[in-house]
Amino acid sequence: MRAHMLTTSLSLVLLSACASGGGGGGGGGGGDIITREQLEAQGTQQEDPYAVIQRLRPNWLRAKTASFSAGGRIYPVVFLNGTRYGELDTLRSFRITEIESIQYIGATDATTRFGTGYQGGIIMVRTRG
């Protein structure tokens, strides 16, 4: 009985660790969000968000191959504070000092939250304030 309880407890601990393992997010390490604190710690004030993402989470910017279109490439769409803002190049129009966080939302979650048309996912920029 004691061995069974120990095995069950250990299993729960391992499952818990797996469930909280960083959120995937297609990032180049570090999960699916870049916080204001991370931006400040990186000394990124002179960079635009595109450059920061390219350095910290390059996988967010990589195109996905579209299975429904021969050779088609799908890129993430940029959202600002919950509203569609534009394509990846619009990330260059923000100043880092204005940003609270940058988050990658994968295609499945993006479709659930915002509807169809986000096969490349979403890069959500949240501003301060």
Foldseek 3Di string as FASTA:
>chain_A
DVVVVVVVVVVVVVVVCVVPPADPLQFPDRHFKQFLVNCVVVVCQVPFPLVVRCVGGVRLAAWDADPVDVRDTHHAFEAEPHHGDGRPVCSRVDGSQFFGMWGWAAQVRCCVVPNDDGNNTYIYTYTDD
